Amino acid sequence: MPNIRHILFPYDFSDQGVLAVPFVRALANRLGARITAMSVVATPLWDAPPFGMPALPMPDPEEMMAELSTRLDAAFTHELGGLPAERVVCTGDPALKITEFAHTNGVDLIMMPTHGFGVFRSLLIGSVTAKVLHDVHCPVWTATHAEEQWAPELAGTVLCAMDDTSRAPAVLQWAGDFCQRTGATLKVIHVAPPVSDWLALPDERELQEQVCEQARINIEALRQTAAVETPIRIASGSVAETIAEEARQDEAGLVIIGRGVAHSTLGRLRTHVYGIVQKSPCPVLSV
């Protein structure tokens, strides 16, 4: 069950970081949670200069931390005004520092945008976010390319994507409790695997309908185990694209998915976490 009392907000002064601030404020305000804004001075990698070239001076980490601390202290003082918020600056590998802080400081939720750069930016999520999603045990909220997404700061409709693993009832319970606490309407989608690329053929279409019907029976049993009353839609197709399209149709402000942890059994949904995060028209909260 979500008991979100401490939100960690890794902030890198990017445009996407700025766009995430209203979401952090809205959720912290609704849940009565405290916020830790965290910035990390990445440890520079030292490469030996080419032969015969003088070595460039290494930046002083303490000076960099002092400068970053000054910038962070001055950041979004108005946006987070009135909320319990502290600021932390450290140096090292950003993903490792975020993970360590979350594990040792009772963080209940990490809220961070993700970055994809270059020609294929729509196919990428930032390496820091990918490592955090892989390593932390707490839920993670993230928005890919937030400047291209639109969603209310506090979601009115939440779409929970369920798989058919044994962990699904716990994810649905988490989503149901989260919606009760935030006043959102919960809807559920399950994406069954496509049986064929030739669904125009009657036999193939009938087989797909049978697969979807069996999936409906399985998901309904899991829903009853979770004891959460909510509409369920069964669809078939590509997982990430289907969930994204359903979120658009429902005008969802948030998608909740089960992420699990690195050592857990890989379910069909979890193998598509990055794709769901990349393609979702709204932020994604992975549990």
C-alpha atoms as a PDB file:
ATOM      1  CA  MET A   1       0.000   0.000   0.000  1.00  0.00           C
ATOM      2  CA  PRO A   2       1.353   3.453  -0.808  1.00  0.00           C
ATOM      3  CA  ASN A   3       2.366   5.434   2.239  1.00  0.00           C
ATOM      4  CA  ILE A   4       4.220   8.196   0.460  1.00  0.00           C
ATOM      5  CA  ARG A   5       5.734  10.456   3.116  1.00  0.00           C
ATOM      6  CA  HIS A   6       9.116  11.212   1.523  1.00  0.00           C
ATOM      7  CA  ILE A   7       9.605  12.152  -2.141  1.00  0.00           C
ATOM      8  CA  LEU A   8      13.087  12.302  -3.661  1.00  0.00           C
ATOM      9  CA  PHE A   9      13.380  14.736  -6.562  1.00  0.00           C
ATOM     10  CA  PRO A  10      16.699  14.388  -8.414  1.00  0.00           C
ATOM     11  CA  TYR A  11      17.171  17.741 -10.125  1.00  0.00           C
ATOM     12  CA  ASP A  12      19.734  18.507 -12.825  1.00  0.00           C
ATOM     13  CA  PHE A  13      18.620  22.037 -13.832  1.00  0.00           C
ATOM     14  CA  SER A  14      17.426  20.776 -17.221  1.00  0.00           C
ATOM     15  CA  ASP A  15      14.255  22.002 -18.901  1.00  0.00           C
ATOM     16  CA  GLN A  16      12.631  18.657 -18.182  1.00  0.00           C
ATOM     17  CA  GLY A  17      13.565  18.993 -14.525  1.00  0.00           C
ATOM     18  CA  VAL A  18      11.839  22.363 -14.410  1.00  0.00           C
ATOM     19  CA  LEU A  19       8.730  20.887 -16.052  1.00  0.00           C
ATOM     20  CA  ALA A  20       8.586  18.165 -13.387  1.00  0.00           C
ATOM     21  CA  VAL A  21       8.485  20.612 -10.453  1.00  0.00           C
ATOM     22  CA  PRO A  22       4.689  21.293 -10.581  1.00  0.00           C
ATOM     23  CA  PHE A  23       4.005  17.541 -10.530  1.00  0.00           C
ATOM     24  CA  VAL A  24       6.265  17.104  -7.495  1.00  0.00           C
ATOM     25  CA  ARG A  25       4.561  19.961  -5.690  1.00  0.00           C
ATOM     26  CA  ALA A  26       1.029  18.787  -6.491  1.00  0.00           C
ATOM     27  CA  LEU A  27       1.616  15.212  -5.314  1.00  0.00           C
ATOM     28  CA  ALA A  28       3.550  16.204  -2.206  1.00  0.00           C
ATOM     29  CA  ASN A  29       0.850  18.696  -1.283  1.00  0.00           C
ATOM     30  CA  ARG A  30      -1.967  16.157  -1.750  1.00  0.00           C
ATOM     31  CA  LEU A  31      -0.195  13.389   0.170  1.00  0.00           C
ATOM     32  CA  GLY A  32       1.392  15.578   2.848  1.00  0.00           C
ATOM     33  CA  ALA A  33       4.846  14.338   1.901  1.00  0.00           C
ATOM     34  CA  ARG A  34       8.187  16.011   2.435  1.00  0.00           C
ATOM     35  CA  ILE A  35      10.508  16.611  -0.502  1.00  0.00           C
ATOM     36  CA  THR A  36      14.244  16.177  -0.869  1.00  0.00           C
ATOM     37  CA  ALA A  37      15.645  17.928  -3.932  1.00  0.00           C
ATOM     38  CA  MET A  38      18.943  16.311  -4.832  1.00  0.00           C
ATOM     39  CA  SER A  39      21.663  17.394  -7.236  1.00  0.00           C
ATOM     40  CA  VAL A  40      24.788  15.363  -7.948  1.00  0.00           C
ATOM     41  CA  VAL A  41      28.149  16.577  -9.175  1.00  0.00           C
ATOM     42  CA  ALA A  42      29.115  13.770 -11.532  1.00  0.00           C
ATOM     43  CA  THR A  43      32.629  12.513 -10.906  1.00  0.00           C
ATOM     44  CA  PRO A  44      34.618  13.480 -14.027  1.00  0.00           C
ATOM     45  CA  LEU A  45      36.392  10.797 -15.977  1.00  0.00           C
ATOM     46  CA  TRP A  46      40.072  11.561 -16.517  1.00  0.00           C
ATOM     47  CA  ASP A  47      41.608  10.735 -19.873  1.00  0.00           C
ATOM     48  CA  ALA A  48      45.316  11.004 -20.447  1.00  0.00           C
ATOM     49  CA  PRO A  49      46.100  13.805 -22.930  1.00  0.00           C
ATOM     50  CA  PRO A  50      47.570  12.921 -26.339  1.00  0.00           C
ATOM     51  CA  PHE A  51      51.326  12.487 -26.386  1.00  0.00           C
ATOM     52  CA  GLY A  52      53.108  15.811 -26.182  1.00  0.00           C
ATOM     53  CA  MET A  53      50.005  17.746 -25.048  1.00  0.00           C
ATOM     54  CA  PRO A  54      49.794  19.298 -21.583  1.00  0.00           C
ATOM     55  CA  ALA A  55      47.256  17.867 -19.162  1.00  0.00           C
ATOM     56  CA  LEU A  56      44.230  20.039 -18.508  1.00  0.00           C
ATOM     57  CA  PRO A  57      43.608  20.940 -14.865  1.00  0.00           C
ATOM     58  CA  MET A  58      40.955  18.828 -13.170  1.00  0.00           C
ATOM     59  CA  PRO A  59      37.987  20.766 -11.753  1.00  0.00           C
ATOM     60  CA  ASP A  60      37.871  21.048  -7.972  1.00  0.00           C
ATOM     61  CA  PRO A  61      34.942  18.876  -6.740  1.00  0.00           C
ATOM     62  CA  GLU A  62      34.494  20.990  -3.604  1.00  0.00           C
ATOM     63  CA  GLU A  63      34.181  24.173  -5.655  1.00  0.00           C
ATOM     64  CA  MET A  64      31.721  22.470  -7.983  1.00  0.00           C
ATOM     65  CA  MET A  65      29.640  21.264  -5.039  1.00  0.00           C
ATOM     66  CA  ALA A  66      29.633  24.724  -3.468  1.00  0.00           C
ATOM     67  CA  GLU A  67      28.487  26.287  -6.735  1.00  0.00           C
ATOM     68  CA  LEU A  68      25.810  23.634  -7.243  1.00  0.00           C
ATOM     69  CA  SER A  69      24.607  24.017  -3.663  1.00  0.00           C
ATOM     70  CA  THR A  70      24.166  27.757  -4.188  1.00  0.00           C
ATOM     71  CA  ARG A  71      22.188  27.153  -7.371  1.00  0.00           C
ATOM     72  CA  LEU A  72      20.020  24.492  -5.739  1.00  0.00           C
ATOM     73  CA  ASP A  73      19.271  26.666  -2.702  1.00  0.00           C
ATOM     74  CA  ALA A  74      17.950  29.353  -5.044  1.00  0.00           C
ATOM     75  CA  ALA A  75      15.935  26.959  -7.242  1.00  0.00           C
ATOM     76  CA  PHE A  76      12.102  26.853  -7.147  1.00  0.00           C
ATOM     77  CA  THR A  77      11.845  28.577  -3.771  1.00  0.00           C
ATOM     78  CA  HIS A  78       8.448  29.918  -4.827  1.00  0.00           C
ATOM     79  CA  GLU A  79       7.206  26.663  -6.409  1.00  0.00           C
ATOM     80  CA  LEU A  80       7.928  24.597  -3.297  1.00  0.00           C
ATOM     81  CA  GLY A  81       7.157  27.359  -0.823  1.00  0.00           C
ATOM     82  CA  GLY A  82       5.094  26.194   2.129  1.00  0.00           C
ATOM     83  CA  LEU A  83       6.096  22.553   1.697  1.00  0.00           C
ATOM     84  CA  PRO A  84       8.630  20.712   3.861  1.00  0.00           C
ATOM     85  CA  ALA A  85      11.583  20.553   1.502  1.00  0.00           C
ATOM     86  CA  GLU A  86      15.296  20.090   1.950  1.00  0.00           C
ATOM     87  CA  ARG A  87      18.139  20.198  -0.547  1.00  0.00           C
ATOM     88  CA  VAL A  88      21.041  17.782  -0.809  1.00  0.00           C
ATOM     89  CA  VAL A  89      24.172  18.043  -2.950  1.00  0.00           C
ATOM     90  CA  CYS A  90      26.724  15.261  -3.332  1.00  0.00           C
ATOM     91  CA  THR A  91      29.368  14.057  -5.739  1.00  0.00           C
ATOM     92  CA  GLY A  92      29.794  10.742  -7.518  1.00  0.00           C
ATOM     93  CA  ASP A  93      27.893   8.623 -10.002  1.00  0.00           C
ATOM     94  CA  PRO A  94      24.384  10.173 -10.176  1.00  0.00           C
ATOM     95  CA  ALA A  95      22.450   6.905 -10.480  1.00  0.00           C
ATOM     96  CA  LEU A  96      24.417   5.303  -7.649  1.00  0.00           C
ATOM     97  CA  LYS A  97      23.992   8.328  -5.380  1.00  0.00           C
ATOM     98  CA  ILE A  98      20.246   8.515  -6.059  1.00  0.00           C
ATOM     99  CA  THR A  99      19.875   4.803  -5.326  1.00  0.00           C
ATOM    100  CA  GLU A 100      21.982   4.957  -2.156  1.00  0.00           C
ATOM    101  CA  PHE A 101      20.052   7.954  -0.833  1.00  0.00           C
ATOM    102  CA  ALA A 102      16.711   6.295  -1.552  1.00  0.00           C
ATOM    103  CA  HIS A 103      17.718   3.096   0.230  1.00  0.00           C
ATOM    104  CA  THR A 104      19.183   4.781   3.327  1.00  0.00           C
ATOM    105  CA  ASN A 105      16.810   7.709   3.862  1.00  0.00           C
ATOM    106  CA  GLY A 106      13.380   6.173   3.780  1.00  0.00           C
ATOM    107  CA  VAL A 107      12.390   7.462   0.352  1.00  0.00           C
ATOM    108  CA  ASP A 108       8.893   6.311  -0.635  1.00  0.00           C
ATOM    109  CA  LEU A 109       8.812   7.716  -4.171  1.00  0.00           C
ATOM    110  CA  ILE A 110      11.379   9.041  -6.644  1.00  0.00           C
ATOM    111  CA  MET A 111      10.121  11.633  -9.132  1.00  0.00           C
ATOM    112  CA  MET A 112      12.466  12.332 -12.024  1.00  0.00           C
ATOM    113  CA  PRO A 113      12.208  13.110 -15.718  1.00  0.00           C
ATOM    114  CA  THR A 114      14.216  11.081 -18.165  1.00  0.00           C
ATOM    115  CA  HIS A 115      16.317  12.179 -21.076  1.00  0.00           C
ATOM    116  CA  GLY A 116      16.903  10.843 -24.563  1.00  0.00           C
ATOM    117  CA  PHE A 117      19.316  12.692 -26.794  1.00  0.00           C
ATOM    118  CA  GLY A 118      20.402  12.535 -30.391  1.00  0.00           C
ATOM    119  CA  VAL A 119      18.722  11.552 -33.635  1.00  0.00           C
ATOM    120  CA  PHE A 120      16.968   8.586 -32.034  1.00  0.00           C
ATOM    121  CA  ARG A 121      15.816  10.410 -28.870  1.00  0.00           C
ATOM    122  CA  SER A 122      12.319   8.884 -29.099  1.00  0.00           C
ATOM    123  CA  LEU A 123      13.896   5.447 -28.680  1.00  0.00           C
ATOM    124  CA  LEU A 124      16.001   6.326 -25.655  1.00  0.00           C
ATOM    125  CA  ILE A 125      15.638   7.013 -21.998  1.00  0.00           C
ATOM    126  CA  GLY A 126      18.462   8.503 -20.030  1.00  0.00           C
ATOM    127  CA  SER A 127      21.064   6.140 -18.617  1.00  0.00           C
ATOM    128  CA  VAL A 128      20.654   7.572 -15.108  1.00  0.00           C
ATOM    129  CA  THR A 129      16.905   6.956 -15.156  1.00  0.00           C
ATOM    130  CA  ALA A 130      17.403   3.467 -16.594  1.00  0.00           C
ATOM    131  CA  LYS A 131      19.793   2.563 -13.758  1.00  0.00           C
ATOM    132  CA  VAL A 132      17.475   3.995 -11.118  1.00  0.00           C
ATOM    133  CA  LEU A 133      14.493   2.073 -12.535  1.00  0.00           C
ATOM    134  CA  HIS A 134      16.589  -1.082 -12.431  1.00  0.00           C
ATOM    135  CA  ASP A 135      18.142  -0.724  -8.986  1.00  0.00           C
ATOM    136  CA  VAL A 136      15.760   1.005  -6.563  1.00  0.00           C
ATOM    137  CA  HIS A 137      13.057  -0.777  -4.607  1.00  0.00           C
ATOM    138  CA  CYS A 138      10.654   2.131  -4.196  1.00  0.00           C
ATOM    139  CA  PRO A 139       8.190   3.376  -6.844  1.00  0.00           C
ATOM    140  CA  VAL A 140       9.545   5.708  -9.524  1.00  0.00           C
ATOM    141  CA  TRP A 141       7.594   8.449 -11.308  1.00  0.00           C
ATOM    142  CA  THR A 142       9.063   9.594 -14.593  1.00  0.00           C
ATOM    143  CA  ALA A 143       8.056  11.510 -17.699  1.00  0.00           C
ATOM    144  CA  THR A 144       9.841  11.052 -21.006  1.00  0.00           C
ATOM    145  CA  HIS A 145      10.314  14.214 -23.060  1.00  0.00           C
ATOM    146  CA  ALA A 146       7.962  16.117 -20.767  1.00  0.00           C
ATOM    147  CA  GLU A 147       7.848  19.105 -23.104  1.00  0.00           C
ATOM    148  CA  GLU A 148       5.980  16.927 -25.613  1.00  0.00           C
ATOM    149  CA  GLN A 149       3.524  15.503 -23.095  1.00  0.00           C
ATOM    150  CA  TRP A 150       0.476  17.036 -21.547  1.00  0.00           C
ATOM    151  CA  ALA A 151      -1.048  15.921 -18.300  1.00  0.00           C
ATOM    152  CA  PRO A 152      -2.656  17.591 -15.282  1.00  0.00           C
ATOM    153  CA  GLU A 153      -0.296  18.056 -12.374  1.00  0.00           C
ATOM    154  CA  LEU A 154      -2.551  15.786 -10.302  1.00  0.00           C
ATOM    155  CA  ALA A 155      -4.095  13.037 -12.417  1.00  0.00           C
ATOM    156  CA  GLY A 156      -7.868  12.823 -12.616  1.00  0.00           C
ATOM    157  CA  THR A 157      -7.754   9.455 -14.393  1.00  0.00           C
ATOM    158  CA  VAL A 158      -5.114   6.808 -13.703  1.00  0.00           C
ATOM    159  CA  LEU A 159      -4.586   3.854 -16.034  1.00  0.00           C
ATOM    160  CA  CYS A 160      -3.096   0.762 -14.391  1.00  0.00           C
ATOM    161  CA  ALA A 161      -1.500  -1.705 -16.805  1.00  0.00           C
ATOM    162  CA  MET A 162      -1.785  -5.219 -15.361  1.00  0.00           C
ATOM    163  CA  ASP A 163       0.062  -8.324 -16.390  1.00  0.00           C
ATOM    164  CA  ASP A 164      -0.989 -11.817 -15.331  1.00  0.00           C
ATOM    165  CA  THR A 165       1.820 -12.566 -12.882  1.00  0.00           C
ATOM    166  CA  SER A 166       1.401 -13.357  -9.213  1.00  0.00           C
ATOM    167  CA  ARG A 167       2.507  -9.825  -8.320  1.00  0.00           C
ATOM    168  CA  ALA A 168      -0.327  -8.207 -10.286  1.00  0.00           C
ATOM    169  CA  PRO A 169      -2.831  -8.055  -7.360  1.00  0.00           C
ATOM    170  CA  ALA A 170      -0.313  -6.147  -5.224  1.00  0.00           C
ATOM    171  CA  VAL A 171       0.255  -3.636  -8.036  1.00  0.00           C
ATOM    172  CA  LEU A 172      -3.492  -3.194  -8.493  1.00  0.00           C
ATOM    173  CA  GLN A 173      -3.991  -2.739  -4.741  1.00  0.00           C
ATOM    174  CA  TRP A 174      -1.243  -0.112  -4.749  1.00  0.00           C
ATOM    175  CA  ALA A 175      -2.872   1.678  -7.671  1.00  0.00           C
ATOM    176  CA  GLY A 176      -6.306   1.533  -6.047  1.00  0.00           C
ATOM    177  CA  ASP A 177      -5.054   2.968  -2.770  1.00  0.00           C
ATOM    178  CA  PHE A 178      -3.060   5.644  -4.601  1.00  0.00           C
ATOM    179  CA  CYS A 179      -6.191   6.736  -6.473  1.00  0.00           C
ATOM    180  CA  GLN A 180      -8.203   6.861  -3.248  1.00  0.00           C
ATOM    181  CA  ARG A 181      -5.570   9.081  -1.661  1.00  0.00           C
ATOM    182  CA  THR A 182      -5.309  11.398  -4.651  1.00  0.00           C
ATOM    183  CA  GLY A 183      -8.967  11.431  -5.682  1.00  0.00           C
ATOM    184  CA  ALA A 184      -8.347   9.902  -9.111  1.00  0.00           C
ATOM    185  CA  THR A 185     -10.487   7.495 -11.143  1.00  0.00           C
ATOM    186  CA  LEU A 186      -8.797   4.132 -11.719  1.00  0.00           C
ATOM    187  CA  LYS A 187      -9.036   2.121 -14.936  1.00  0.00           C
ATOM    188  CA  VAL A 188      -7.227  -1.103 -15.821  1.00  0.00           C
ATOM    189  CA  ILE A 189      -5.886  -2.466 -19.081  1.00  0.00           C
ATOM    190  CA  HIS A 190      -4.348  -5.837 -19.820  1.00  0.00           C
ATOM    191  CA  VAL A 191      -2.612  -6.432 -23.148  1.00  0.00           C
ATOM    192  CA  ALA A 192      -2.852 -10.022 -24.351  1.00  0.00           C
ATOM    193  CA  PRO A 193      -0.178 -11.280 -26.764  1.00  0.00           C
ATOM    194  CA  PRO A 194      -1.133 -11.198 -30.453  1.00  0.00           C
ATOM    195  CA  VAL A 195      -1.498 -14.674 -31.926  1.00  0.00           C
ATOM    196  CA  SER A 196      -1.008 -13.695 -35.543  1.00  0.00           C
ATOM    197  CA  ASP A 197      -0.272 -10.926 -38.008  1.00  0.00           C
ATOM    198  CA  TRP A 198      -3.213 -12.111 -40.098  1.00  0.00           C
ATOM    199  CA  LEU A 199      -6.213 -11.201 -37.964  1.00  0.00           C
ATOM    200  CA  ALA A 200      -8.242 -10.433 -41.090  1.00  0.00           C
ATOM    201  CA  LEU A 201      -8.543 -14.209 -41.497  1.00  0.00           C
ATOM    202  CA  PRO A 202     -11.605 -15.585 -39.634  1.00  0.00           C
ATOM    203  CA  ASP A 203      -9.749 -18.486 -37.989  1.00  0.00           C
ATOM    204  CA  GLU A 204      -6.948 -16.231 -36.747  1.00  0.00           C
ATOM    205  CA  ARG A 205      -9.416 -13.653 -35.466  1.00  0.00           C
ATOM    206  CA  GLU A 206     -11.375 -16.339 -33.622  1.00  0.00           C
ATOM    207  CA  LEU A 207      -8.198 -17.636 -31.996  1.00  0.00           C
ATOM    208  CA  GLN A 208      -7.301 -14.100 -30.887  1.00  0.00           C
ATOM    209  CA  GLU A 209     -10.746 -13.683 -29.356  1.00  0.00           C
ATOM    210  CA  GLN A 210     -10.258 -16.929 -27.426  1.00  0.00           C
ATOM    211  CA  VAL A 211      -6.903 -15.730 -26.125  1.00  0.00           C
ATOM    212  CA  CYS A 212      -8.436 -12.425 -25.023  1.00  0.00           C
ATOM    213  CA  GLU A 213     -11.360 -14.178 -23.331  1.00  0.00           C
ATOM    214  CA  GLN A 214      -9.021 -16.421 -21.363  1.00  0.00           C
ATOM    215  CA  ALA A 215      -6.986 -13.353 -20.432  1.00  0.00           C
ATOM    216  CA  ARG A 216     -10.172 -11.658 -19.215  1.00  0.00           C
ATOM    217  CA  ILE A 217     -10.930 -14.631 -16.958  1.00  0.00           C
ATOM    218  CA  ASN A 218      -7.382 -14.615 -15.563  1.00  0.00           C
ATOM    219  CA  ILE A 219      -7.283 -10.864 -14.960  1.00  0.00           C
ATOM    220  CA  GLU A 220     -10.733 -10.874 -13.375  1.00  0.00           C
ATOM    221  CA  ALA A 221      -9.541 -13.528 -10.927  1.00  0.00           C
ATOM    222  CA  LEU A 222      -6.511 -11.389 -10.073  1.00  0.00           C
ATOM    223  CA  ARG A 223      -8.748  -8.334  -9.661  1.00  0.00           C
ATOM    224  CA  GLN A 224     -10.933 -10.240  -7.211  1.00  0.00           C
ATOM    225  CA  THR A 225      -7.831 -11.274  -5.280  1.00  0.00           C
ATOM    226  CA  ALA A 226      -6.858  -7.601  -5.058  1.00  0.00           C
ATOM    227  CA  ALA A 227     -10.419  -6.688  -4.013  1.00  0.00           C
ATOM    228  CA  VAL A 228     -10.364  -3.544  -6.134  1.00  0.00           C
ATOM    229  CA  GLU A 229     -13.488  -2.516  -8.041  1.00  0.00           C
ATOM    230  CA  THR A 230     -12.511  -0.969 -11.354  1.00  0.00           C
ATOM    231  CA  PRO A 231     -13.290  -1.323 -15.072  1.00  0.00           C
ATOM    232  CA  ILE A 232     -10.999  -3.692 -16.977  1.00  0.00           C
ATOM    233  CA  ARG A 233     -10.261  -3.621 -20.683  1.00  0.00           C
ATOM    234  CA  ILE A 234      -8.588  -6.506 -22.485  1.00  0.00           C
ATOM    235  CA  ALA A 235      -6.690  -5.595 -25.643  1.00  0.00           C
ATOM    236  CA  SER A 236      -4.171  -7.322 -27.860  1.00  0.00           C
ATOM    237  CA  GLY A 237      -1.161  -6.043 -29.699  1.00  0.00           C
ATOM    238  CA  SER A 238       2.142  -4.384 -28.931  1.00  0.00           C
ATOM    239  CA  VAL A 239       2.313  -3.750 -25.195  1.00  0.00           C
ATOM    240  CA  ALA A 240       3.826  -0.253 -25.141  1.00  0.00           C
ATOM    241  CA  GLU A 241       1.843   1.086 -28.106  1.00  0.00           C
ATOM    242  CA  THR A 242      -1.457  -0.352 -26.871  1.00  0.00           C
ATOM    243  CA  ILE A 243      -1.051   1.061 -23.370  1.00  0.00           C
ATOM    244  CA  ALA A 244      -0.070   4.444 -24.793  1.00  0.00           C
ATOM    245  CA  GLU A 245      -3.122   4.524 -27.072  1.00  0.00           C
ATOM    246  CA  GLU A 246      -5.436   3.534 -24.222  1.00  0.00           C
ATOM    247  CA  ALA A 247      -3.965   6.320 -22.080  1.00  0.00           C
ATOM    248  CA  ARG A 248      -4.683   8.806 -24.879  1.00  0.00           C
ATOM    249  CA  GLN A 249      -8.256   7.611 -25.313  1.00  0.00           C
ATOM    250  CA  ASP A 250      -8.938   7.809 -21.579  1.00  0.00           C
ATOM    251  CA  GLU A 251      -7.094  11.143 -21.286  1.00  0.00           C
ATOM    252  CA  ALA A 252      -5.178   9.558 -18.423  1.00  0.00           C
ATOM    253  CA  GLY A 253      -2.928  11.825 -16.412  1.00  0.00           C
ATOM    254  CA  LEU A 254      -0.825   8.935 -15.099  1.00  0.00           C
ATOM    255  CA  VAL A 255      -0.022   5.334 -16.031  1.00  0.00           C
ATOM    256  CA  ILE A 256       0.842   2.900 -13.232  1.00  0.00           C
ATOM    257  CA  ILE A 257       2.767  -0.262 -14.055  1.00  0.00           C
ATOM    258  CA  GLY A 258       4.466  -3.028 -12.083  1.00  0.00           C
ATOM    259  CA  ARG A 259       8.230  -2.856 -12.376  1.00  0.00           C
ATOM    260  CA  GLY A 260       9.463  -5.340  -9.814  1.00  0.00           C
ATOM    261  CA  VAL A 261      13.125  -5.481  -8.860  1.00  0.00           C
ATOM    262  CA  ALA A 262      16.180  -6.694 -10.693  1.00  0.00           C
ATOM    263  CA  HIS A 263      16.204 -10.192  -9.226  1.00  0.00           C
ATOM    264  CA  SER A 264      12.502 -10.905  -9.752  1.00  0.00           C
ATOM    265  CA  THR A 265      11.098 -13.145 -12.460  1.00  0.00           C
ATOM    266  CA  LEU A 266      10.636 -11.219 -15.698  1.00  0.00           C
ATOM    267  CA  GLY A 267       6.950 -10.957 -16.549  1.00  0.00           C
ATOM    268  CA  ARG A 268       5.734  -9.920 -19.993  1.00  0.00           C
ATOM    269  CA  LEU A 269       4.837  -6.424 -18.816  1.00  0.00           C
ATOM    270  CA  ARG A 270       8.103  -5.770 -17.005  1.00  0.00           C
ATOM    271  CA  THR A 271      10.119  -6.526 -20.125  1.00  0.00           C
ATOM    272  CA  HIS A 272       8.339  -3.559 -21.726  1.00  0.00           C
ATOM    273  CA  VAL A 273       8.873  -1.025 -18.925  1.00  0.00           C
ATOM    274  CA  TYR A 274      11.242   1.185 -20.907  1.00  0.00           C
ATOM    275  CA  GLY A 275       8.990   1.101 -23.964  1.00  0.00           C
ATOM    276  CA  ILE A 276       5.958   2.081 -21.897  1.00  0.00           C
ATOM    277  CA  VAL A 277       7.864   4.956 -20.299  1.00  0.00           C
ATOM    278  CA  GLN A 278       9.109   6.121 -23.701  1.00  0.00           C
ATOM    279  CA  LYS A 279       5.759   6.050 -25.512  1.00  0.00           C
ATOM    280  CA  SER A 280       3.300   7.074 -22.803  1.00  0.00           C
ATOM    281  CA  PRO A 281       1.528  10.387 -23.453  1.00  0.00           C
ATOM    282  CA  CYS A 282       1.592  11.083 -19.706  1.00  0.00           C
ATOM    283  CA  PRO A 283       3.919  10.361 -16.785  1.00  0.00           C
ATOM    284  CA  VAL A 284       4.447   6.754 -15.721  1.00  0.00           C
ATOM    285  CA  LEU A 285       4.671   5.549 -12.124  1.00  0.00           C
ATOM    286  CA  SER A 286       6.339   2.148 -11.887  1.00  0.00           C
ATOM    287  CA  VAL A 287       5.813   0.183  -8.700  1.00  0.00           C
END
